[in-house]
Amino acid sequence: MQNRSNDQINHPPQWLNLKLIVSAIETVQDLIVISVCIIGWFCFMVLELREMFFSLLPPLNFK
């Protein structure tokens, strides 16, 4: 009995594939980082386009 419990502690169950889990977590982490970079780039470009648009407008000098 004792050998069987030690064997179970040393070897995880077959359905618990740690390499697959770690690979999936790394993929999700990569997707999160790429998404944050793309969203940051998109926000930066929107701000730059806004600045360019406002710089092309003629100044309004009301007297």
Protein backbone atom coordinates (compact mmCIF):
# COMPACT_ATOMS: atom_id res chain seq x y z
CA MET A 1 0.00 0.00 0.00
CA GLN A 2 2.71 2.44 0.92
CA ASN A 3 4.59 1.94 -2.35
CA ARG A 4 1.45 2.72 -4.32
CA SER A 5 0.83 6.05 -2.51
CA ASN A 6 4.48 7.07 -2.99
CA ASP A 7 4.17 6.21 -6.67
CA GLN A 8 1.08 8.40 -7.00
CA ILE A 9 2.85 11.32 -5.33
CA ASN A 10 5.86 11.10 -7.65
CA HIS A 11 3.86 10.70 -10.87
CA PRO A 12 0.85 12.92 -11.60
CA PRO A 13 -2.24 11.37 -13.24
CA GLN A 14 -2.22 10.84 -16.98
CA TRP A 15 -4.91 13.48 -17.64
CA LEU A 16 -2.76 16.11 -15.90
CA ASN A 17 -0.27 16.83 -18.67
CA LEU A 18 1.89 19.57 -17.13
CA LYS A 19 3.80 20.30 -20.34
CA LEU A 20 0.53 20.91 -22.18
CA ILE A 21 -0.76 23.17 -19.41
CA VAL A 22 2.45 25.20 -19.31
CA SER A 23 2.44 25.51 -23.09
CA ALA A 24 -1.17 26.73 -23.06
CA ILE A 25 -0.44 29.28 -20.32
CA GLU A 26 2.61 30.57 -22.22
CA THR A 27 0.52 30.93 -25.38
CA VAL A 28 -2.17 32.86 -23.51
CA GLN A 29 0.50 35.08 -21.96
CA ASP A 30 2.01 35.77 -25.39
CA LEU A 31 -1.41 36.67 -26.78
CA ILE A 32 -2.02 39.06 -23.88
CA VAL A 33 1.32 40.82 -24.41
CA ILE A 34 0.75 41.10 -28.17
CA SER A 35 -2.77 42.44 -27.61
CA VAL A 36 -1.53 45.07 -25.16
CA CYS A 37 1.14 46.16 -27.65
CA ILE A 38 -1.37 46.42 -30.51
CA ILE A 39 -3.87 48.34 -28.37
CA GLY A 40 -1.11 50.70 -27.20
CA TRP A 41 0.05 51.25 -30.77
CA PHE A 42 -3.53 51.89 -31.91
CA CYS A 43 -4.13 54.42 -29.11
CA PHE A 44 -0.86 56.18 -29.93
CA MET A 45 -1.81 56.42 -33.60
CA VAL A 46 -5.27 57.80 -32.74
CA LEU A 47 -3.69 60.47 -30.55
CA GLU A 48 -1.20 61.36 -33.30
CA LEU A 49 -3.96 61.59 -35.93
CA ARG A 50 -5.99 63.80 -33.59
CA GLU A 51 -3.00 66.07 -33.08
CA MET A 52 -2.38 66.25 -36.83
CA PHE A 53 -6.04 67.04 -37.50
CA PHE A 54 -6.09 69.88 -34.96
CA SER A 55 -2.82 71.27 -36.26
CA LEU A 56 -4.28 71.54 -39.80
CA LEU A 57 -7.30 73.54 -38.67
CA PRO A 58 -6.86 77.25 -39.15
CA PRO A 59 -6.77 79.24 -35.94
CA LEU A 60 -9.98 81.12 -35.26
CA ASN A 61 -9.34 84.76 -34.48
CA PHE A 62 -12.63 86.35 -33.53
CA LYS A 63 -12.56 90.11 -33.05
